[in-house]
Amino acid sequence: MSLQDYIEQLNQAPRNRFWRGPAQQKALAFLDDPARGPHRALIAPRGAGKTMLVAEWLKQRDDNTIVLLSTAASSDKPAAFLHGFLSSVGLGESGTSEVERRNLLSVFVQHQLGRGRRVVLIIDDAEQLQVPLKTELERLLSLSDHPQFETLLIGQADLGPTLLALKPSLHIHGMPGLRPEFACSYLRARLDLDSDPEQLPFTPVAAQALARQAGGSMERLDRLALKALERALGGDTTKVGVRLALG
């Protein structure tokens, strides 16, 4: 493949293409471990792929699992926060007030549990929880003590102390950002080159240099790798070395 081919492929590669590095495998094992209890949190730096990882985990669920998803980034108002959960299961048009939505969510959860289903409430961007939403989260965590009722919070690394203050029994897993030694493996996956490691258009040292610049963020590494390939396009080279990687 030419450098132009790599550029086009990296531009077109879907962001939801999941890469299973060691940290991702440990995080998935944490999410799958029933011994961790019903209330868990996954925290990681920005751009480390935590939302993508949870999406991959949810692909493994069966039809007996009901997932309600909301984000703390949408609003600091409990009514909007609750609306997110209800919308994720097609009930977004039901109930307009905060009390109505809270009651509807409670009834829905209890009904699904009564039918023998597993219910998972997921709160994304949990580091953005404001005071009114923290109160709402306390209610959600105590919505049911049924063993099939679970909550999962997803957020950035500074979230831990806040969550422990809300619920000391919460199990928290910290997933690190992308480490430089895994940069080649990650870039091969992004370029769909897993079957031919020699094809990677970056030297190992250059890939690691890009990862260090990216500071653990996969999204930023994608952008930096793309810029390095574009710089190399006009030169007489087939691989990006450290000089081109550092610009």
C-alpha atoms as a PDB file:
ATOM      1  CA  MET A   1       0.000   0.000   0.000  1.00  0.00           C
ATOM      2  CA  SER A   2       1.104   3.562  -0.663  1.00  0.00           C
ATOM      3  CA  LEU A   3       1.158   6.353   1.918  1.00  0.00           C
ATOM      4  CA  GLN A   4      -1.903   7.817   0.205  1.00  0.00           C
ATOM      5  CA  ASP A   5      -3.711   4.496   0.714  1.00  0.00           C
ATOM      6  CA  TYR A   6      -2.857   4.568   4.417  1.00  0.00           C
ATOM      7  CA  ILE A   7      -4.101   8.159   4.690  1.00  0.00           C
ATOM      8  CA  GLU A   8      -7.407   7.256   3.049  1.00  0.00           C
ATOM      9  CA  GLN A   9      -7.778   4.154   5.194  1.00  0.00           C
ATOM     10  CA  LEU A  10      -7.121   6.019   8.445  1.00  0.00           C
ATOM     11  CA  ASN A  11      -9.569   8.731   7.388  1.00  0.00           C
ATOM     12  CA  GLN A  12     -12.242   6.165   6.617  1.00  0.00           C
ATOM     13  CA  ALA A  13     -11.627   3.721   9.480  1.00  0.00           C
ATOM     14  CA  PRO A  14     -14.689   3.801  11.741  1.00  0.00           C
ATOM     15  CA  ARG A  15     -14.045   5.139  15.228  1.00  0.00           C
ATOM     16  CA  ASN A  16     -16.023   2.230  16.664  1.00  0.00           C
ATOM     17  CA  ARG A  17     -13.482  -0.323  15.449  1.00  0.00           C
ATOM     18  CA  PHE A  18     -12.528  -1.806  18.788  1.00  0.00           C
ATOM     19  CA  TRP A  19      -8.931  -2.558  19.767  1.00  0.00           C
ATOM     20  CA  ARG A  20      -8.376  -5.111  22.552  1.00  0.00           C
ATOM     21  CA  GLY A  21      -5.174  -4.095  24.258  1.00  0.00           C
ATOM     22  CA  PRO A  22      -4.175  -5.460  27.686  1.00  0.00           C
ATOM     23  CA  ALA A  23      -5.917  -2.598  29.517  1.00  0.00           C
ATOM     24  CA  GLN A  24      -9.098  -3.106  27.501  1.00  0.00           C
ATOM     25  CA  GLN A  25      -9.113  -6.836  28.236  1.00  0.00           C
ATOM     26  CA  LYS A  26      -8.755  -6.163  31.969  1.00  0.00           C
ATOM     27  CA  ALA A  27     -11.593  -3.636  31.847  1.00  0.00           C
ATOM     28  CA  LEU A  28     -13.872  -6.080  30.047  1.00  0.00           C
ATOM     29  CA  ALA A  29     -13.026  -8.750  32.628  1.00  0.00           C
ATOM     30  CA  PHE A  30     -13.970  -6.253  35.362  1.00  0.00           C
ATOM     31  CA  LEU A  31     -17.329  -5.544  33.711  1.00  0.00           C
ATOM     32  CA  ASP A  32     -18.019  -9.268  33.363  1.00  0.00           C
ATOM     33  CA  ASP A  33     -17.070 -10.184  36.928  1.00  0.00           C
ATOM     34  CA  PRO A  34     -20.208 -10.732  39.071  1.00  0.00           C
ATOM     35  CA  ALA A  35     -18.056 -10.703  42.201  1.00  0.00           C
ATOM     36  CA  ARG A  36     -17.575  -6.962  41.693  1.00  0.00           C
ATOM     37  CA  GLY A  37     -21.146  -6.363  42.805  1.00  0.00           C
ATOM     38  CA  PRO A  38     -24.073  -4.666  41.076  1.00  0.00           C
ATOM     39  CA  HIS A  39     -22.760  -1.092  41.227  1.00  0.00           C
ATOM     40  CA  ARG A  40     -19.564  -0.354  39.329  1.00  0.00           C
ATOM     41  CA  ALA A  41     -17.644   2.476  37.705  1.00  0.00           C
ATOM     42  CA  LEU A  42     -15.153   2.572  34.850  1.00  0.00           C
ATOM     43  CA  ILE A  43     -12.845   5.577  34.934  1.00  0.00           C
ATOM     44  CA  ALA A  44     -10.163   6.502  32.405  1.00  0.00           C
ATOM     45  CA  PRO A  45      -8.495   9.581  30.899  1.00  0.00           C
ATOM     46  CA  ARG A  46     -10.214  11.487  28.104  1.00  0.00           C
ATOM     47  CA  GLY A  47      -9.848   9.740  24.751  1.00  0.00           C
ATOM     48  CA  ALA A  48      -8.848   6.380  26.267  1.00  0.00           C
ATOM     49  CA  GLY A  49     -11.789   4.607  24.616  1.00  0.00           C
ATOM     50  CA  LYS A  50     -13.963   3.885  27.668  1.00  0.00           C
ATOM     51  CA  THR A  51     -17.281   4.614  25.927  1.00  0.00           C
ATOM     52  CA  MET A  52     -16.237   2.436  22.983  1.00  0.00           C
ATOM     53  CA  LEU A  53     -15.253  -0.329  25.389  1.00  0.00           C
ATOM     54  CA  VAL A  54     -18.634  -0.251  27.121  1.00  0.00           C
ATOM     55  CA  ALA A  55     -20.346  -0.386  23.719  1.00  0.00           C
ATOM     56  CA  GLU A  56     -18.297  -3.505  22.932  1.00  0.00           C
ATOM     57  CA  TRP A  57     -19.281  -5.005  26.281  1.00  0.00           C
ATOM     58  CA  LEU A  58     -22.961  -4.324  25.588  1.00  0.00           C
ATOM     59  CA  LYS A  59     -22.742  -6.195  22.273  1.00  0.00           C
ATOM     60  CA  GLN A  60     -22.335  -9.365  24.327  1.00  0.00           C
ATOM     61  CA  ARG A  61     -25.622  -8.911  26.197  1.00  0.00           C
ATOM     62  CA  ASP A  62     -28.561 -11.166  25.441  1.00  0.00           C
ATOM     63  CA  ASP A  63     -32.194 -10.251  24.780  1.00  0.00           C
ATOM     64  CA  ASN A  64     -32.925 -10.646  28.472  1.00  0.00           C
ATOM     65  CA  THR A  65     -30.840  -7.563  29.336  1.00  0.00           C
ATOM     66  CA  ILE A  66     -32.419  -4.097  29.329  1.00  0.00           C
ATOM     67  CA  VAL A  67     -30.016  -1.151  29.106  1.00  0.00           C
ATOM     68  CA  LEU A  68     -31.005   2.364  30.129  1.00  0.00           C
ATOM     69  CA  LEU A  69     -28.444   5.023  29.188  1.00  0.00           C
ATOM     70  CA  SER A  70     -28.154   8.682  30.066  1.00  0.00           C
ATOM     71  CA  THR A  71     -25.345  11.207  30.198  1.00  0.00           C
ATOM     72  CA  ALA A  72     -24.499  13.698  32.914  1.00  0.00           C
ATOM     73  CA  ALA A  73     -23.234  16.071  30.217  1.00  0.00           C
ATOM     74  CA  SER A  74     -26.731  16.692  28.842  1.00  0.00           C
ATOM     75  CA  SER A  75     -28.016  18.900  31.650  1.00  0.00           C
ATOM     76  CA  ASP A  76     -27.728  19.700  35.335  1.00  0.00           C
ATOM     77  CA  LYS A  77     -31.509  19.276  35.625  1.00  0.00           C
ATOM     78  CA  PRO A  78     -32.787  15.957  37.007  1.00  0.00           C
ATOM     79  CA  ALA A  79     -35.775  15.986  34.627  1.00  0.00           C
ATOM     80  CA  ALA A  80     -33.484  16.022  31.572  1.00  0.00           C
ATOM     81  CA  PHE A  81     -31.195  13.414  33.138  1.00  0.00           C
ATOM     82  CA  LEU A  82     -34.172  11.093  33.724  1.00  0.00           C
ATOM     83  CA  HIS A  83     -35.489  11.817  30.239  1.00  0.00           C
ATOM     84  CA  GLY A  84     -32.263  10.383  28.826  1.00  0.00           C
ATOM     85  CA  PHE A  85     -32.871   7.022  30.513  1.00  0.00           C
ATOM     86  CA  LEU A  86     -36.492   6.897  29.392  1.00  0.00           C
ATOM     87  CA  SER A  87     -35.641   7.872  25.806  1.00  0.00           C
ATOM     88  CA  SER A  88     -33.119   5.034  25.569  1.00  0.00           C
ATOM     89  CA  VAL A  89     -35.981   2.527  25.977  1.00  0.00           C
ATOM     90  CA  GLY A  90     -38.541   4.400  23.872  1.00  0.00           C
ATOM     91  CA  LEU A  91     -40.366   6.148  26.715  1.00  0.00           C
ATOM     92  CA  GLY A  92     -39.052   9.650  26.143  1.00  0.00           C
ATOM     93  CA  GLU A  93     -42.470  11.081  25.322  1.00  0.00           C
ATOM     94  CA  SER A  94     -44.026   9.788  28.535  1.00  0.00           C
ATOM     95  CA  GLY A  95     -44.133  12.088  31.548  1.00  0.00           C
ATOM     96  CA  THR A  96     -43.020  15.699  31.546  1.00  0.00           C
ATOM     97  CA  SER A  97     -42.265  16.622  35.130  1.00  0.00           C
ATOM     98  CA  GLU A  98     -39.330  15.461  37.197  1.00  0.00           C
ATOM     99  CA  VAL A  99     -41.601  13.501  39.548  1.00  0.00           C
ATOM    100  CA  GLU A 100     -43.474  11.832  36.670  1.00  0.00           C
ATOM    101  CA  ARG A 101     -40.263  10.750  35.006  1.00  0.00           C
ATOM    102  CA  ARG A 102     -38.778   9.472  38.260  1.00  0.00           C
ATOM    103  CA  ASN A 103     -41.890   7.426  38.983  1.00  0.00           C
ATOM    104  CA  LEU A 104     -42.076   6.099  35.429  1.00  0.00           C
ATOM    105  CA  LEU A 105     -38.439   5.009  35.537  1.00  0.00           C
ATOM    106  CA  SER A 106     -38.983   3.235  38.849  1.00  0.00           C
ATOM    107  CA  VAL A 107     -42.088   1.442  37.566  1.00  0.00           C
ATOM    108  CA  PHE A 108     -40.328   0.435  34.351  1.00  0.00           C
ATOM    109  CA  VAL A 109     -37.308  -0.986  36.196  1.00  0.00           C
ATOM    110  CA  GLN A 110     -39.446  -2.905  38.686  1.00  0.00           C
ATOM    111  CA  HIS A 111     -41.620  -4.265  35.863  1.00  0.00           C
ATOM    112  CA  GLN A 112     -38.615  -5.531  33.898  1.00  0.00           C
ATOM    113  CA  LEU A 113     -37.078  -7.116  36.998  1.00  0.00           C
ATOM    114  CA  GLY A 114     -40.427  -8.768  37.740  1.00  0.00           C
ATOM    115  CA  ARG A 115     -40.302 -10.350  34.276  1.00  0.00           C
ATOM    116  CA  GLY A 116     -36.948 -11.923  35.125  1.00  0.00           C
ATOM    117  CA  ARG A 117     -34.854  -9.497  33.083  1.00  0.00           C
ATOM    118  CA  ARG A 118     -31.488  -7.984  33.899  1.00  0.00           C
ATOM    119  CA  VAL A 119     -31.564  -4.173  34.038  1.00  0.00           C
ATOM    120  CA  VAL A 120     -28.397  -2.097  33.611  1.00  0.00           C
ATOM    121  CA  LEU A 121     -28.433   1.679  34.143  1.00  0.00           C
ATOM    122  CA  ILE A 122     -25.441   3.388  32.518  1.00  0.00           C
ATOM    123  CA  ILE A 123     -24.409   6.981  33.238  1.00  0.00           C
ATOM    124  CA  ASP A 124     -21.847   8.376  30.810  1.00  0.00           C
ATOM    125  CA  ASP A 125     -19.748  11.520  31.402  1.00  0.00           C
ATOM    126  CA  ALA A 126     -20.268  10.931  35.120  1.00  0.00           C
ATOM    127  CA  GLU A 127     -17.474  13.349  36.026  1.00  0.00           C
ATOM    128  CA  GLN A 128     -19.875  16.141  35.022  1.00  0.00           C
ATOM    129  CA  LEU A 129     -22.431  15.282  37.691  1.00  0.00           C
ATOM    130  CA  GLN A 130     -23.606  18.491  39.339  1.00  0.00           C
ATOM    131  CA  VAL A 131     -25.162  18.637  42.814  1.00  0.00           C
ATOM    132  CA  PRO A 132     -28.813  18.064  41.706  1.00  0.00           C
ATOM    133  CA  LEU A 133     -27.732  15.058  39.607  1.00  0.00           C
ATOM    134  CA  LYS A 134     -25.679  13.608  42.449  1.00  0.00           C
ATOM    135  CA  THR A 135     -28.855  13.524  44.517  1.00  0.00           C
ATOM    136  CA  GLU A 136     -30.640  11.832  41.628  1.00  0.00           C
ATOM    137  CA  LEU A 137     -27.805   9.324  41.313  1.00  0.00           C
ATOM    138  CA  GLU A 138     -28.177   8.417  44.998  1.00  0.00           C
ATOM    139  CA  ARG A 139     -31.828   7.607  44.293  1.00  0.00           C
ATOM    140  CA  LEU A 140     -30.902   5.522  41.258  1.00  0.00           C
ATOM    141  CA  LEU A 141     -28.310   3.517  43.177  1.00  0.00           C
ATOM    142  CA  SER A 142     -30.994   2.598  45.718  1.00  0.00           C
ATOM    143  CA  LEU A 143     -33.764   2.065  43.153  1.00  0.00           C
ATOM    144  CA  SER A 144     -33.743  -1.684  43.745  1.00  0.00           C
ATOM    145  CA  ASP A 145     -31.759  -4.245  45.706  1.00  0.00           C
ATOM    146  CA  HIS A 146     -32.698  -6.945  43.201  1.00  0.00           C
ATOM    147  CA  PRO A 147     -29.572  -8.935  42.146  1.00  0.00           C
ATOM    148  CA  GLN A 148     -30.468  -8.376  38.489  1.00  0.00           C
ATOM    149  CA  PHE A 149     -30.381  -4.572  38.856  1.00  0.00           C
ATOM    150  CA  GLU A 150     -27.000  -3.008  38.041  1.00  0.00           C
ATOM    151  CA  THR A 151     -25.547   0.459  37.566  1.00  0.00           C
ATOM    152  CA  LEU A 152     -22.429   1.440  35.644  1.00  0.00           C
ATOM    153  CA  LEU A 153     -20.865   4.888  35.723  1.00  0.00           C
ATOM    154  CA  ILE A 154     -18.368   5.961  33.083  1.00  0.00           C
ATOM    155  CA  GLY A 155     -16.127   8.949  33.606  1.00  0.00           C
ATOM    156  CA  GLN A 156     -12.682  10.452  33.814  1.00  0.00           C
ATOM    157  CA  ALA A 157      -9.974   9.712  36.336  1.00  0.00           C
ATOM    158  CA  ASP A 158     -10.898  12.396  38.901  1.00  0.00           C
ATOM    159  CA  LEU A 159     -14.330  10.829  39.396  1.00  0.00           C
ATOM    160  CA  GLY A 160     -13.285   8.175  41.940  1.00  0.00           C
ATOM    161  CA  PRO A 161     -13.446  10.173  45.221  1.00  0.00           C
ATOM    162  CA  THR A 162     -16.851  11.615  44.309  1.00  0.00           C
ATOM    163  CA  LEU A 163     -18.311   8.176  43.649  1.00  0.00           C
ATOM    164  CA  LEU A 164     -16.893   6.650  46.814  1.00  0.00           C
ATOM    165  CA  ALA A 165     -18.413   9.490  48.819  1.00  0.00           C
ATOM    166  CA  LEU A 166     -21.798   8.691  47.260  1.00  0.00           C
ATOM    167  CA  LYS A 167     -21.553   4.919  47.710  1.00  0.00           C
ATOM    168  CA  PRO A 168     -18.530   3.459  49.540  1.00  0.00           C
ATOM    169  CA  SER A 169     -19.351  -0.069  48.318  1.00  0.00           C
ATOM    170  CA  LEU A 170     -19.068   0.947  44.657  1.00  0.00           C
ATOM    171  CA  HIS A 171     -16.407  -1.033  42.779  1.00  0.00           C
ATOM    172  CA  ILE A 172     -14.188   1.197  40.629  1.00  0.00           C
ATOM    173  CA  HIS A 173     -11.851   0.114  37.844  1.00  0.00           C
ATOM    174  CA  GLY A 174      -9.278   2.560  36.502  1.00  0.00           C
ATOM    175  CA  MET A 175      -8.288   1.999  32.873  1.00  0.00           C
ATOM    176  CA  PRO A 176      -5.072   3.776  31.765  1.00  0.00           C
ATOM    177  CA  GLY A 177      -4.683   5.649  28.531  1.00  0.00           C
ATOM    178  CA  LEU A 178      -2.871   4.109  25.579  1.00  0.00           C
ATOM    179  CA  ARG A 179       0.733   3.404  26.552  1.00  0.00           C
ATOM    180  CA  PRO A 180       3.505   4.012  23.973  1.00  0.00           C
ATOM    181  CA  GLU A 181       4.594   0.358  23.912  1.00  0.00           C
ATOM    182  CA  PHE A 182       1.181  -0.590  22.495  1.00  0.00           C
ATOM    183  CA  ALA A 183       1.141   2.114  19.808  1.00  0.00           C
ATOM    184  CA  CYS A 184       2.159  -0.227  16.965  1.00  0.00           C
ATOM    185  CA  SER A 185      -0.507  -2.766  17.899  1.00  0.00           C
ATOM    186  CA  TYR A 186      -3.158  -0.046  18.097  1.00  0.00           C
ATOM    187  CA  LEU A 187      -2.198   1.549  14.757  1.00  0.00           C
ATOM    188  CA  ARG A 188      -2.137  -1.838  13.041  1.00  0.00           C
ATOM    189  CA  ALA A 189      -5.699  -2.398  14.248  1.00  0.00           C
ATOM    190  CA  ARG A 190      -6.817   1.061  13.110  1.00  0.00           C
ATOM    191  CA  LEU A 191      -5.316   0.430   9.657  1.00  0.00           C
ATOM    192  CA  ASP A 192      -6.630  -3.157   9.571  1.00  0.00           C
ATOM    193  CA  LEU A 193      -3.090  -4.560   9.304  1.00  0.00           C
ATOM    194  CA  ASP A 194      -3.224  -7.150  12.081  1.00  0.00           C
ATOM    195  CA  SER A 195      -2.482  -9.951   9.640  1.00  0.00           C
ATOM    196  CA  ASP A 196       0.709  -8.288   8.354  1.00  0.00           C
ATOM    197  CA  PRO A 197       2.659  -6.416  11.066  1.00  0.00           C
ATOM    198  CA  GLU A 198       5.492  -5.570   8.674  1.00  0.00           C
ATOM    199  CA  GLN A 199       3.187  -3.326   6.649  1.00  0.00           C
ATOM    200  CA  LEU A 200       2.795  -0.660   9.325  1.00  0.00           C
ATOM    201  CA  PRO A 201       3.851   2.671   7.752  1.00  0.00           C
ATOM    202  CA  PHE A 202       5.507   3.849  10.989  1.00  0.00           C
ATOM    203  CA  THR A 203       8.748   2.699  12.531  1.00  0.00           C
ATOM    204  CA  PRO A 204       8.222   1.373  16.085  1.00  0.00           C
ATOM    205  CA  VAL A 205      10.123   4.328  17.544  1.00  0.00           C
ATOM    206  CA  ALA A 206       8.018   6.790  15.544  1.00  0.00           C
ATOM    207  CA  ALA A 207       4.755   5.133  16.615  1.00  0.00           C
ATOM    208  CA  GLN A 208       5.821   5.341  20.247  1.00  0.00           C
ATOM    209  CA  ALA A 209       6.809   8.989  19.828  1.00  0.00           C
ATOM    210  CA  LEU A 210       3.359   9.756  18.424  1.00  0.00           C
ATOM    211  CA  ALA A 211       1.711   7.942  21.341  1.00  0.00           C
ATOM    212  CA  ARG A 212       3.724   9.962  23.852  1.00  0.00           C
ATOM    213  CA  GLN A 213       2.603  13.162  22.129  1.00  0.00           C
ATOM    214  CA  ALA A 214      -0.992  11.912  22.264  1.00  0.00           C
ATOM    215  CA  GLY A 215      -0.761  11.560  26.051  1.00  0.00           C
ATOM    216  CA  GLY A 216      -2.748   8.314  26.167  1.00  0.00           C
ATOM    217  CA  SER A 217      -5.588   9.517  23.920  1.00  0.00           C
ATOM    218  CA  MET A 218      -6.448   7.197  21.041  1.00  0.00           C
ATOM    219  CA  GLU A 219      -8.341   9.927  19.220  1.00  0.00           C
ATOM    220  CA  ARG A 220      -5.374  12.289  19.413  1.00  0.00           C
ATOM    221  CA  LEU A 221      -3.020   9.524  18.253  1.00  0.00           C
ATOM    222  CA  ASP A 222      -5.226   9.015  15.192  1.00  0.00           C
ATOM    223  CA  ARG A 223      -4.959  12.712  14.329  1.00  0.00           C
ATOM    224  CA  LEU A 224      -1.204  12.873  14.920  1.00  0.00           C
ATOM    225  CA  ALA A 225      -0.619   9.716  12.869  1.00  0.00           C
ATOM    226  CA  LEU A 226      -2.665  11.143  10.014  1.00  0.00           C
ATOM    227  CA  LYS A 227      -0.692  14.397  10.013  1.00  0.00           C
ATOM    228  CA  ALA A 228       2.599  12.483  10.057  1.00  0.00           C
ATOM    229  CA  LEU A 229       1.488  10.422   7.050  1.00  0.00           C
ATOM    230  CA  GLU A 230       0.498  13.589   5.204  1.00  0.00           C
ATOM    231  CA  ARG A 231       3.921  15.112   5.906  1.00  0.00           C
ATOM    232  CA  ALA A 232       5.592  11.968   4.606  1.00  0.00           C
ATOM    233  CA  LEU A 233       3.506  11.892   1.438  1.00  0.00           C
ATOM    234  CA  GLY A 234       5.634  14.427  -0.394  1.00  0.00           C
ATOM    235  CA  GLY A 235       8.930  12.768   0.508  1.00  0.00           C
ATOM    236  CA  ASP A 236      10.780   9.802  -0.865  1.00  0.00           C
ATOM    237  CA  THR A 237       9.793   7.374   1.888  1.00  0.00           C
ATOM    238  CA  THR A 238       7.474   4.479   2.593  1.00  0.00           C
ATOM    239  CA  LYS A 239       7.610   4.702   6.393  1.00  0.00           C
ATOM    240  CA  VAL A 240       7.245   7.512   8.902  1.00  0.00           C
ATOM    241  CA  GLY A 241      10.341   7.855  11.057  1.00  0.00           C
ATOM    242  CA  VAL A 242      10.856   9.861  14.235  1.00  0.00           C
ATOM    243  CA  ARG A 243      11.713  13.079  12.408  1.00  0.00           C
ATOM    244  CA  LEU A 244       8.441  13.058  10.464  1.00  0.00           C
ATOM    245  CA  ALA A 245       6.499  11.899  13.507  1.00  0.00           C
ATOM    246  CA  LEU A 246       7.692  14.858  15.560  1.00  0.00           C
ATOM    247  CA  GLY A 247       7.041  17.253  12.696  1.00  0.00           C
END
